[in-house]
Amino acid sequence: MGKAWRLPLLQTERYEFTEPTDEGIEYIAENLREGDREECHATLGHRRYLDALRLSVLASDSCVMAISAYGEPVALLGVTTVSFLYNIGCPWMMGTPSADRYKRAFIDAGRTYTQSMLGEYSSLANHVDARNIKSVAWLQRLGFGIEKSVPYGALGFPFHPFQIERPAHV
């Protein structure tokens, strides 16, 4: 097929971003933030978070796991191609409450990963649970446009479509 593309493995003062491990995926699934649990349930219609995270990792073109400076797995983030024709990627992230401990560092890493994804995709698009105020604010800080909520997912709850385009080169 096409060239192999991977998200970079970053190391910051607060987090290390590595390849996901089975143990890390299990830990994150067992300790998801309340907003991420609610969003996962509304999207899929079930509460089998470990199954959902494993499937997300397997379906992703690339995925990384954030580990805190204390060695605790705190988040998974990845991207999946949703349109080869239009070169659209679907970014996602699920985390534990510890991912909120150092917000500034996570925003900085999020910006780096968003730019990396936009180097591969023309645009990035997904939906975020309208109740998940922290995730909506995080996406806005990363530069994503947030649209008016629409019914989405297995339960038809209000979700905001969000998107960002690759900047035009000068």
N, C-alpha and C. Protein backbone atom coordinates (compact mmCIF):
# COMPACT_ATOMS: atom_id res chain seq x y z
N MET A 1 0.83 -1.19 0.00
CA MET A 1 0.00 0.00 0.00
C MET A 1 0.87 1.24 0.00
N GLY A 2 0.47 2.26 0.78
CA GLY A 2 1.21 3.51 0.83
C GLY A 2 2.38 3.41 1.78
N LYS A 3 3.03 4.55 1.93
CA LYS A 3 4.19 4.61 2.82
C LYS A 3 3.77 4.42 4.27
N ALA A 4 4.68 3.90 5.05
CA ALA A 4 4.41 3.74 6.48
C ALA A 4 4.58 5.09 7.16
N TRP A 5 3.58 5.51 7.87
CA TRP A 5 3.61 6.78 8.59
C TRP A 5 3.29 6.51 10.05
N ARG A 6 4.00 7.17 10.95
CA ARG A 6 3.79 6.97 12.39
C ARG A 6 3.82 8.32 13.08
N LEU A 7 3.02 8.45 14.12
CA LEU A 7 3.12 9.61 14.99
C LEU A 7 4.47 9.57 15.69
N PRO A 8 5.07 10.73 15.93
CA PRO A 8 6.37 10.74 16.61
C PRO A 8 6.23 10.30 18.07
N LEU A 9 7.27 9.69 18.58
CA LEU A 9 7.34 9.32 19.99
C LEU A 9 8.05 10.46 20.71
N LEU A 10 7.27 11.24 21.47
CA LEU A 10 7.81 12.43 22.13
C LEU A 10 8.21 12.15 23.56
N GLN A 11 9.14 12.93 24.04
CA GLN A 11 9.50 12.91 25.46
C GLN A 11 9.51 14.36 25.92
N THR A 12 8.68 14.66 26.92
CA THR A 12 8.64 15.99 27.50
C THR A 12 9.01 15.87 28.98
N GLU A 13 9.05 16.98 29.65
CA GLU A 13 9.36 16.95 31.09
C GLU A 13 8.29 16.20 31.87
N ARG A 14 7.05 16.27 31.42
CA ARG A 14 5.92 15.69 32.16
C ARG A 14 5.43 14.36 31.62
N TYR A 15 5.61 14.13 30.31
CA TYR A 15 5.05 12.93 29.68
C TYR A 15 6.04 12.33 28.70
N GLU A 16 5.93 11.01 28.56
CA GLU A 16 6.62 10.31 27.49
C GLU A 16 5.54 9.65 26.65
N PHE A 17 5.64 9.81 25.33
CA PHE A 17 4.67 9.22 24.41
C PHE A 17 5.34 8.04 23.73
N THR A 18 4.79 6.85 23.96
CA THR A 18 5.40 5.60 23.51
C THR A 18 4.39 4.79 22.70
N GLU A 19 4.86 3.68 22.19
CA GLU A 19 3.94 2.72 21.58
C GLU A 19 3.02 2.17 22.68
N PRO A 20 1.74 1.98 22.40
CA PRO A 20 0.83 1.42 23.42
C PRO A 20 1.24 0.00 23.80
N THR A 21 1.02 -0.32 25.06
CA THR A 21 1.22 -1.69 25.55
C THR A 21 -0.13 -2.24 26.01
N ASP A 22 -0.26 -3.56 26.03
CA ASP A 22 -1.50 -4.17 26.51
C ASP A 22 -1.80 -3.73 27.93
N GLU A 23 -0.77 -3.71 28.78
CA GLU A 23 -0.97 -3.32 30.18
C GLU A 23 -1.41 -1.86 30.28
N GLY A 24 -0.82 -1.00 29.47
CA GLY A 24 -1.18 0.41 29.48
C GLY A 24 -2.61 0.64 29.01
N ILE A 25 -3.01 -0.07 27.96
CA ILE A 25 -4.38 0.04 27.45
C ILE A 25 -5.37 -0.41 28.52
N GLU A 26 -5.06 -1.52 29.18
CA GLU A 26 -5.93 -2.02 30.25
C GLU A 26 -6.03 -1.01 31.39
N TYR A 27 -4.91 -0.42 31.80
CA TYR A 27 -4.91 0.54 32.89
C TYR A 27 -5.76 1.76 32.54
N ILE A 28 -5.57 2.29 31.34
CA ILE A 28 -6.33 3.47 30.92
C ILE A 28 -7.82 3.13 30.85
N ALA A 29 -8.18 1.96 30.30
CA ALA A 29 -9.59 1.56 30.22
C ALA A 29 -10.22 1.47 31.60
N GLU A 30 -9.48 0.95 32.57
CA GLU A 30 -10.01 0.80 33.94
C GLU A 30 -10.10 2.12 34.68
N ASN A 31 -9.40 3.16 34.20
CA ASN A 31 -9.31 4.43 34.92
C ASN A 31 -9.71 5.63 34.08
N LEU A 32 -10.57 5.44 33.08
CA LEU A 32 -10.96 6.54 32.21
C LEU A 32 -11.58 7.70 32.99
N ARG A 33 -11.32 8.91 32.51
CA ARG A 33 -12.00 10.09 33.05
C ARG A 33 -13.51 9.91 32.86
N GLU A 34 -14.28 10.49 33.76
CA GLU A 34 -15.74 10.39 33.69
C GLU A 34 -16.26 10.86 32.33
N GLY A 35 -15.77 12.00 31.84
CA GLY A 35 -16.23 12.51 30.55
C GLY A 35 -15.92 11.57 29.41
N ASP A 36 -14.77 10.92 29.45
CA ASP A 36 -14.40 9.96 28.40
C ASP A 36 -15.25 8.69 28.49
N ARG A 37 -15.57 8.26 29.72
CA ARG A 37 -16.46 7.10 29.88
C ARG A 37 -17.84 7.41 29.30
N GLU A 38 -18.38 8.59 29.62
CA GLU A 38 -19.69 8.97 29.12
C GLU A 38 -19.69 9.08 27.60
N GLU A 39 -18.63 9.66 27.04
CA GLU A 39 -18.53 9.81 25.59
C GLU A 39 -18.45 8.46 24.90
N CYS A 40 -17.65 7.57 25.43
CA CYS A 40 -17.51 6.23 24.87
C CYS A 40 -18.86 5.49 24.90
N HIS A 41 -19.54 5.56 26.03
CA HIS A 41 -20.85 4.91 26.17
C HIS A 41 -21.85 5.50 25.17
N ALA A 42 -21.92 6.83 25.05
CA ALA A 42 -22.86 7.47 24.14
C ALA A 42 -22.56 7.13 22.68
N THR A 43 -21.28 7.01 22.35
CA THR A 43 -20.89 6.71 20.97
C THR A 43 -21.20 5.26 20.61
N LEU A 44 -20.84 4.33 21.49
CA LEU A 44 -20.92 2.91 21.17
C LEU A 44 -22.16 2.22 21.71
N GLY A 45 -22.77 2.78 22.75
CA GLY A 45 -23.96 2.16 23.33
C GLY A 45 -23.65 1.06 24.33
N HIS A 46 -22.38 0.92 24.71
CA HIS A 46 -22.02 -0.08 25.72
C HIS A 46 -20.91 0.48 26.60
N ARG A 47 -20.61 -0.25 27.66
CA ARG A 47 -19.59 0.20 28.62
C ARG A 47 -18.39 -0.74 28.67
N ARG A 48 -18.09 -1.38 27.56
CA ARG A 48 -16.92 -2.25 27.49
C ARG A 48 -15.73 -1.41 27.00
N TYR A 49 -15.21 -0.61 27.93
CA TYR A 49 -14.18 0.37 27.57
C TYR A 49 -12.90 -0.28 27.08
N LEU A 50 -12.52 -1.40 27.67
CA LEU A 50 -11.29 -2.08 27.22
C LEU A 50 -11.45 -2.53 25.77
N ASP A 51 -12.59 -3.12 25.43
CA ASP A 51 -12.83 -3.52 24.04
C ASP A 51 -12.77 -2.32 23.11
N ALA A 52 -13.38 -1.21 23.54
CA ALA A 52 -13.42 0.00 22.71
C ALA A 52 -12.00 0.54 22.48
N LEU A 53 -11.20 0.57 23.53
CA LEU A 53 -9.83 1.09 23.38
C LEU A 53 -8.97 0.16 22.53
N ARG A 54 -9.10 -1.13 22.75
CA ARG A 54 -8.31 -2.07 21.93
C ARG A 54 -8.68 -1.93 20.45
N LEU A 55 -9.98 -1.83 20.16
CA LEU A 55 -10.41 -1.68 18.77
C LEU A 55 -9.91 -0.35 18.19
N SER A 56 -9.96 0.71 18.98
CA SER A 56 -9.47 2.01 18.51
C SER A 56 -7.99 1.95 18.17
N VAL A 57 -7.21 1.31 19.02
CA VAL A 57 -5.77 1.18 18.77
C VAL A 57 -5.53 0.36 17.50
N LEU A 58 -6.23 -0.76 17.37
CA LEU A 58 -6.06 -1.62 16.19
C LEU A 58 -6.49 -0.93 14.90
N ALA A 59 -7.54 -0.12 14.96
CA ALA A 59 -8.06 0.54 13.76
C ALA A 59 -7.26 1.78 13.37
N SER A 60 -6.41 2.25 14.25
CA SER A 60 -5.67 3.48 13.98
C SER A 60 -4.52 3.28 13.01
N ASP A 61 -4.31 4.30 12.18
CA ASP A 61 -3.13 4.30 11.32
C ASP A 61 -1.88 4.47 12.18
N SER A 62 -2.03 5.23 13.26
CA SER A 62 -0.95 5.41 14.22
C SER A 62 -1.57 5.79 15.56
N CYS A 63 -0.93 5.34 16.63
CA CYS A 63 -1.44 5.58 17.98
C CYS A 63 -0.26 5.63 18.94
N VAL A 64 -0.36 6.51 19.93
CA VAL A 64 0.66 6.60 20.98
C VAL A 64 -0.01 6.58 22.35
N MET A 65 0.78 6.21 23.34
CA MET A 65 0.31 6.18 24.72
C MET A 65 1.16 7.17 25.52
N ALA A 66 0.47 8.03 26.27
CA ALA A 66 1.17 8.98 27.14
C ALA A 66 1.37 8.34 28.50
N ILE A 67 2.61 8.45 28.99
CA ILE A 67 2.97 7.93 30.31
C ILE A 67 3.50 9.11 31.11
N SER A 68 2.99 9.27 32.34
CA SER A 68 3.43 10.38 33.18
C SER A 68 4.87 10.18 33.63
N ALA A 69 5.44 11.22 34.19
CA ALA A 69 6.80 11.15 34.72
C ALA A 69 6.89 10.13 35.86
N TYR A 70 5.74 9.74 36.42
CA TYR A 70 5.70 8.75 37.50
C TYR A 70 5.50 7.33 36.97
N GLY A 71 5.48 7.17 35.64
CA GLY A 71 5.34 5.85 35.04
C GLY A 71 3.91 5.37 34.88
N GLU A 72 2.94 6.26 35.08
CA GLU A 72 1.53 5.89 34.98
C GLU A 72 1.01 6.14 33.56
N PRO A 73 0.41 5.13 32.91
CA PRO A 73 -0.24 5.38 31.62
C PRO A 73 -1.42 6.34 31.85
N VAL A 74 -1.46 7.43 31.08
CA VAL A 74 -2.50 8.43 31.32
C VAL A 74 -3.40 8.70 30.11
N ALA A 75 -2.99 8.34 28.90
CA ALA A 75 -3.84 8.61 27.74
C ALA A 75 -3.39 7.80 26.54
N LEU A 76 -4.33 7.59 25.66
CA LEU A 76 -4.08 7.02 24.34
C LEU A 76 -4.58 8.04 23.33
N LEU A 77 -3.80 8.28 22.28
CA LEU A 77 -4.30 9.12 21.21
C LEU A 77 -3.84 8.55 19.89
N GLY A 78 -4.72 8.71 18.91
CA GLY A 78 -4.42 8.15 17.61
C GLY A 78 -5.21 8.81 16.51
N VAL A 79 -5.03 8.28 15.31
CA VAL A 79 -5.72 8.81 14.14
C VAL A 79 -5.99 7.66 13.17
N THR A 80 -7.17 7.70 12.56
CA THR A 80 -7.60 6.69 11.60
C THR A 80 -8.02 7.39 10.31
N THR A 81 -7.68 6.84 9.17
CA THR A 81 -8.13 7.41 7.90
C THR A 81 -9.62 7.12 7.75
N VAL A 82 -10.40 8.18 7.50
CA VAL A 82 -11.83 8.00 7.25
C VAL A 82 -12.19 8.27 5.80
N SER A 83 -11.29 8.92 5.05
CA SER A 83 -11.51 9.12 3.61
C SER A 83 -10.16 9.14 2.91
N PHE A 84 -9.94 8.13 2.09
CA PHE A 84 -8.73 8.12 1.26
C PHE A 84 -8.87 9.13 0.13
N LEU A 85 -10.09 9.26 -0.40
CA LEU A 85 -10.35 10.17 -1.52
C LEU A 85 -10.04 11.61 -1.14
N TYR A 86 -10.50 12.04 0.03
CA TYR A 86 -10.30 13.42 0.47
C TYR A 86 -9.17 13.56 1.48
N ASN A 87 -8.51 12.46 1.81
CA ASN A 87 -7.37 12.45 2.73
C ASN A 87 -7.73 13.05 4.10
N ILE A 88 -8.79 12.50 4.70
CA ILE A 88 -9.28 12.97 6.00
C ILE A 88 -8.93 11.96 7.08
N GLY A 89 -8.33 12.45 8.15
CA GLY A 89 -8.02 11.62 9.31
C GLY A 89 -9.00 11.90 10.43
N CYS A 90 -9.24 10.90 11.24
CA CYS A 90 -10.14 11.01 12.39
C CYS A 90 -9.31 10.86 13.66
N PRO A 91 -8.98 12.00 14.33
CA PRO A 91 -8.18 11.92 15.55
C PRO A 91 -9.05 11.55 16.74
N TRP A 92 -8.44 10.89 17.72
CA TRP A 92 -9.18 10.53 18.94
C TRP A 92 -8.21 10.51 20.11
N MET A 93 -8.77 10.67 21.29
CA MET A 93 -7.98 10.58 22.51
C MET A 93 -8.88 10.17 23.66
N MET A 94 -8.39 9.29 24.50
CA MET A 94 -9.06 8.88 25.73
C MET A 94 -8.02 8.90 26.84
N GLY A 95 -8.40 9.41 28.03
CA GLY A 95 -7.42 9.52 29.09
C GLY A 95 -7.98 9.29 30.47
N THR A 96 -7.07 9.24 31.41
CA THR A 96 -7.41 9.09 32.83
C THR A 96 -7.41 10.49 33.46
N PRO A 97 -7.92 10.63 34.68
CA PRO A 97 -7.86 11.94 35.34
C PRO A 97 -6.44 12.49 35.45
N SER A 98 -5.45 11.63 35.48
CA SER A 98 -4.05 12.08 35.58
C SER A 98 -3.59 12.84 34.34
N ALA A 99 -4.28 12.66 33.21
CA ALA A 99 -3.93 13.42 32.01
C ALA A 99 -4.20 14.91 32.20
N ASP A 100 -5.06 15.24 33.16
CA ASP A 100 -5.39 16.64 33.44
C ASP A 100 -4.42 17.28 34.42
N ARG A 101 -3.50 16.51 34.96
CA ARG A 101 -2.60 17.02 36.00
C ARG A 101 -1.72 18.16 35.49
N TYR A 102 -1.18 18.00 34.30
CA TYR A 102 -0.30 19.02 33.71
C TYR A 102 -0.91 19.46 32.37
N LYS A 103 -1.93 20.28 32.46
CA LYS A 103 -2.71 20.69 31.29
C LYS A 103 -1.85 21.35 30.21
N ARG A 104 -0.98 22.25 30.62
CA ARG A 104 -0.16 23.00 29.65
C ARG A 104 0.71 22.03 28.83
N ALA A 105 1.33 21.07 29.51
CA ALA A 105 2.17 20.10 28.81
C ALA A 105 1.35 19.25 27.84
N PHE A 106 0.12 18.92 28.23
CA PHE A 106 -0.72 18.10 27.36
C PHE A 106 -1.21 18.91 26.16
N ILE A 107 -1.48 20.19 26.37
CA ILE A 107 -1.87 21.05 25.24
C ILE A 107 -0.70 21.18 24.27
N ASP A 108 0.50 21.39 24.78
CA ASP A 108 1.68 21.49 23.91
C ASP A 108 1.88 20.22 23.10
N ALA A 109 1.78 19.07 23.75
CA ALA A 109 1.92 17.79 23.04
C ALA A 109 0.79 17.63 22.02
N GLY A 110 -0.42 18.03 22.40
CA GLY A 110 -1.56 17.95 21.48
C GLY A 110 -1.33 18.78 20.23
N ARG A 111 -0.74 19.94 20.39
CA ARG A 111 -0.43 20.79 19.22
C ARG A 111 0.60 20.10 18.32
N THR A 112 1.60 19.50 18.93
CA THR A 112 2.62 18.79 18.16
C THR A 112 1.99 17.63 17.38
N TYR A 113 1.12 16.87 18.05
CA TYR A 113 0.49 15.73 17.37
C TYR A 113 -0.50 16.18 16.31
N THR A 114 -1.22 17.27 16.56
CA THR A 114 -2.14 17.79 15.54
C THR A 114 -1.35 18.18 14.29
N GLN A 115 -0.22 18.89 14.47
CA GLN A 115 0.59 19.29 13.32
C GLN A 115 1.17 18.07 12.59
N SER A 116 1.56 17.06 13.35
CA SER A 116 2.07 15.84 12.73
C SER A 116 0.98 15.17 11.88
N MET A 117 -0.22 15.11 12.43
CA MET A 117 -1.34 14.51 11.68
C MET A 117 -1.65 15.33 10.43
N LEU A 118 -1.59 16.67 10.55
CA LEU A 118 -1.87 17.52 9.39
C LEU A 118 -0.75 17.45 8.35
N GLY A 119 0.39 16.93 8.72
CA GLY A 119 1.44 16.66 7.73
C GLY A 119 1.10 15.45 6.88
N GLU A 120 0.23 14.60 7.39
CA GLU A 120 -0.17 13.37 6.70
C GLU A 120 -1.54 13.50 6.04
N TYR A 121 -2.45 14.23 6.67
CA TYR A 121 -3.84 14.36 6.21
C TYR A 121 -4.14 15.80 5.81
N SER A 122 -5.04 15.97 4.83
CA SER A 122 -5.47 17.31 4.43
C SER A 122 -6.32 17.97 5.50
N SER A 123 -7.10 17.15 6.21
CA SER A 123 -7.90 17.67 7.31
C SER A 123 -8.13 16.56 8.32
N LEU A 124 -8.52 16.99 9.52
CA LEU A 124 -8.84 16.08 10.61
C LEU A 124 -10.25 16.40 11.07
N ALA A 125 -11.06 15.36 11.30
CA ALA A 125 -12.45 15.59 11.71
C ALA A 125 -12.94 14.44 12.59
N ASN A 126 -13.78 14.78 13.55
CA ASN A 126 -14.40 13.79 14.42
C ASN A 126 -15.56 14.46 15.13
N HIS A 127 -16.10 13.81 16.14
CA HIS A 127 -17.17 14.34 16.97
C HIS A 127 -16.76 14.24 18.43
N VAL A 128 -17.19 15.21 19.25
CA VAL A 128 -16.91 15.20 20.68
C VAL A 128 -18.24 15.39 21.43
N ASP A 129 -18.44 14.60 22.46
CA ASP A 129 -19.64 14.67 23.28
C ASP A 129 -19.80 16.10 23.82
N ALA A 130 -20.94 16.71 23.59
CA ALA A 130 -21.18 18.08 24.02
C ALA A 130 -21.08 18.22 25.54
N ARG A 131 -21.30 17.13 26.29
CA ARG A 131 -21.18 17.17 27.75
C ARG A 131 -19.73 17.18 28.21
N ASN A 132 -18.82 16.80 27.33
CA ASN A 132 -17.41 16.67 27.68
C ASN A 132 -16.71 18.02 27.52
N ILE A 133 -17.03 18.93 28.43
CA ILE A 133 -16.58 20.32 28.37
C ILE A 133 -15.04 20.42 28.31
N LYS A 134 -14.34 19.59 29.09
CA LYS A 134 -12.86 19.64 29.09
C LYS A 134 -12.30 19.31 27.72
N SER A 135 -12.86 18.29 27.07
CA SER A 135 -12.36 17.91 25.75
C SER A 135 -12.68 18.96 24.70
N VAL A 136 -13.86 19.57 24.79
CA VAL A 136 -14.22 20.63 23.85
C VAL A 136 -13.24 21.79 23.99
N ALA A 137 -12.95 22.20 25.23
CA ALA A 137 -12.01 23.31 25.46
C ALA A 137 -10.61 22.96 24.97
N TRP A 138 -10.17 21.71 25.21
CA TRP A 138 -8.85 21.27 24.75
C TRP A 138 -8.75 21.34 23.23
N LEU A 139 -9.79 20.86 22.54
CA LEU A 139 -9.80 20.89 21.08
C LEU A 139 -9.74 22.33 20.56
N GLN A 140 -10.47 23.24 21.21
CA GLN A 140 -10.43 24.64 20.79
C GLN A 140 -9.03 25.21 20.97
N ARG A 141 -8.37 24.87 22.06
CA ARG A 141 -6.99 25.35 22.28
C ARG A 141 -6.02 24.81 21.24
N LEU A 142 -6.34 23.64 20.69
CA LEU A 142 -5.48 23.06 19.66
C LEU A 142 -5.76 23.65 18.28
N GLY A 143 -6.81 24.46 18.16
CA GLY A 143 -7.12 25.11 16.89
C GLY A 143 -8.23 24.48 16.09
N PHE A 144 -8.91 23.48 16.64
CA PHE A 144 -10.02 22.85 15.93
C PHE A 144 -11.23 23.76 15.96
N GLY A 145 -11.96 23.79 14.85
CA GLY A 145 -13.25 24.47 14.82
C GLY A 145 -14.31 23.54 15.39
N ILE A 146 -15.14 24.07 16.28
CA ILE A 146 -16.19 23.28 16.92
C ILE A 146 -17.53 23.75 16.36
N GLU A 147 -18.30 22.82 15.83
CA GLU A 147 -19.59 23.15 15.23
C GLU A 147 -20.72 22.93 16.23
N LYS A 148 -21.90 23.39 15.87
CA LYS A 148 -23.11 23.22 16.69
C LYS A 148 -23.37 21.72 16.85
N SER A 149 -23.83 21.33 18.02
CA SER A 149 -24.03 19.90 18.30
C SER A 149 -25.16 19.31 17.45
N VAL A 150 -25.00 18.02 17.16
CA VAL A 150 -25.97 17.24 16.40
C VAL A 150 -26.11 15.87 17.08
N PRO A 151 -27.23 15.18 16.90
CA PRO A 151 -27.33 13.82 17.45
C PRO A 151 -26.29 12.92 16.79
N TYR A 152 -25.62 12.10 17.61
CA TYR A 152 -24.53 11.27 17.09
C TYR A 152 -24.39 10.04 17.96
N GLY A 153 -23.86 8.99 17.38
CA GLY A 153 -23.54 7.78 18.13
C GLY A 153 -24.74 6.88 18.36
N ALA A 154 -24.47 5.77 19.01
CA ALA A 154 -25.49 4.75 19.24
C ALA A 154 -26.67 5.28 20.05
N LEU A 155 -26.43 6.23 20.94
CA LEU A 155 -27.50 6.74 21.80
C LEU A 155 -28.08 8.06 21.31
N GLY A 156 -27.53 8.61 20.23
CA GLY A 156 -28.07 9.83 19.65
C GLY A 156 -27.92 11.07 20.53
N PHE A 157 -26.91 11.08 21.40
CA PHE A 157 -26.68 12.24 22.27
C PHE A 157 -26.09 13.39 21.45
N PRO A 158 -26.18 14.62 21.96
CA PRO A 158 -25.59 15.76 21.25
C PRO A 158 -24.05 15.68 21.25
N PHE A 159 -23.50 15.74 20.06
CA PHE A 159 -22.04 15.77 19.87
C PHE A 159 -21.72 16.95 18.95
N HIS A 160 -20.58 17.58 19.21
CA HIS A 160 -20.09 18.64 18.34
C HIS A 160 -19.18 18.05 17.28
N PRO A 161 -19.49 18.21 15.99
CA PRO A 161 -18.48 17.89 14.98
C PRO A 161 -17.32 18.88 15.15
N PHE A 162 -16.09 18.40 14.97
CA PHE A 162 -14.94 19.31 15.02
C PHE A 162 -14.02 18.98 13.86
N GLN A 163 -13.29 20.00 13.40
CA GLN A 163 -12.44 19.82 12.24
C GLN A 163 -11.33 20.86 12.24
N ILE A 164 -10.24 20.50 11.59
CA ILE A 164 -9.14 21.42 11.33
C ILE A 164 -8.57 21.06 9.96
N GLU A 165 -8.21 22.07 9.20
CA GLU A 165 -7.65 21.88 7.86
C GLU A 165 -6.15 22.13 7.89
N ARG A 166 -5.45 21.44 7.01
CA ARG A 166 -4.02 21.72 6.82
C ARG A 166 -3.89 23.13 6.25
N PRO A 167 -3.04 23.95 6.83
CA PRO A 167 -2.87 25.31 6.30
C PRO A 167 -2.33 25.28 4.87
N ALA A 168 -2.79 26.22 4.08
CA ALA A 168 -2.27 26.33 2.71
C ALA A 168 -0.83 26.82 2.77
N HIS A 169 0.02 26.20 1.98
CA HIS A 169 1.44 26.61 1.96
C HIS A 169 1.60 27.84 1.09
N VAL A 170 2.46 28.72 1.52
CA VAL A 170 2.70 29.97 0.80
C VAL A 170 3.71 29.74 -0.30
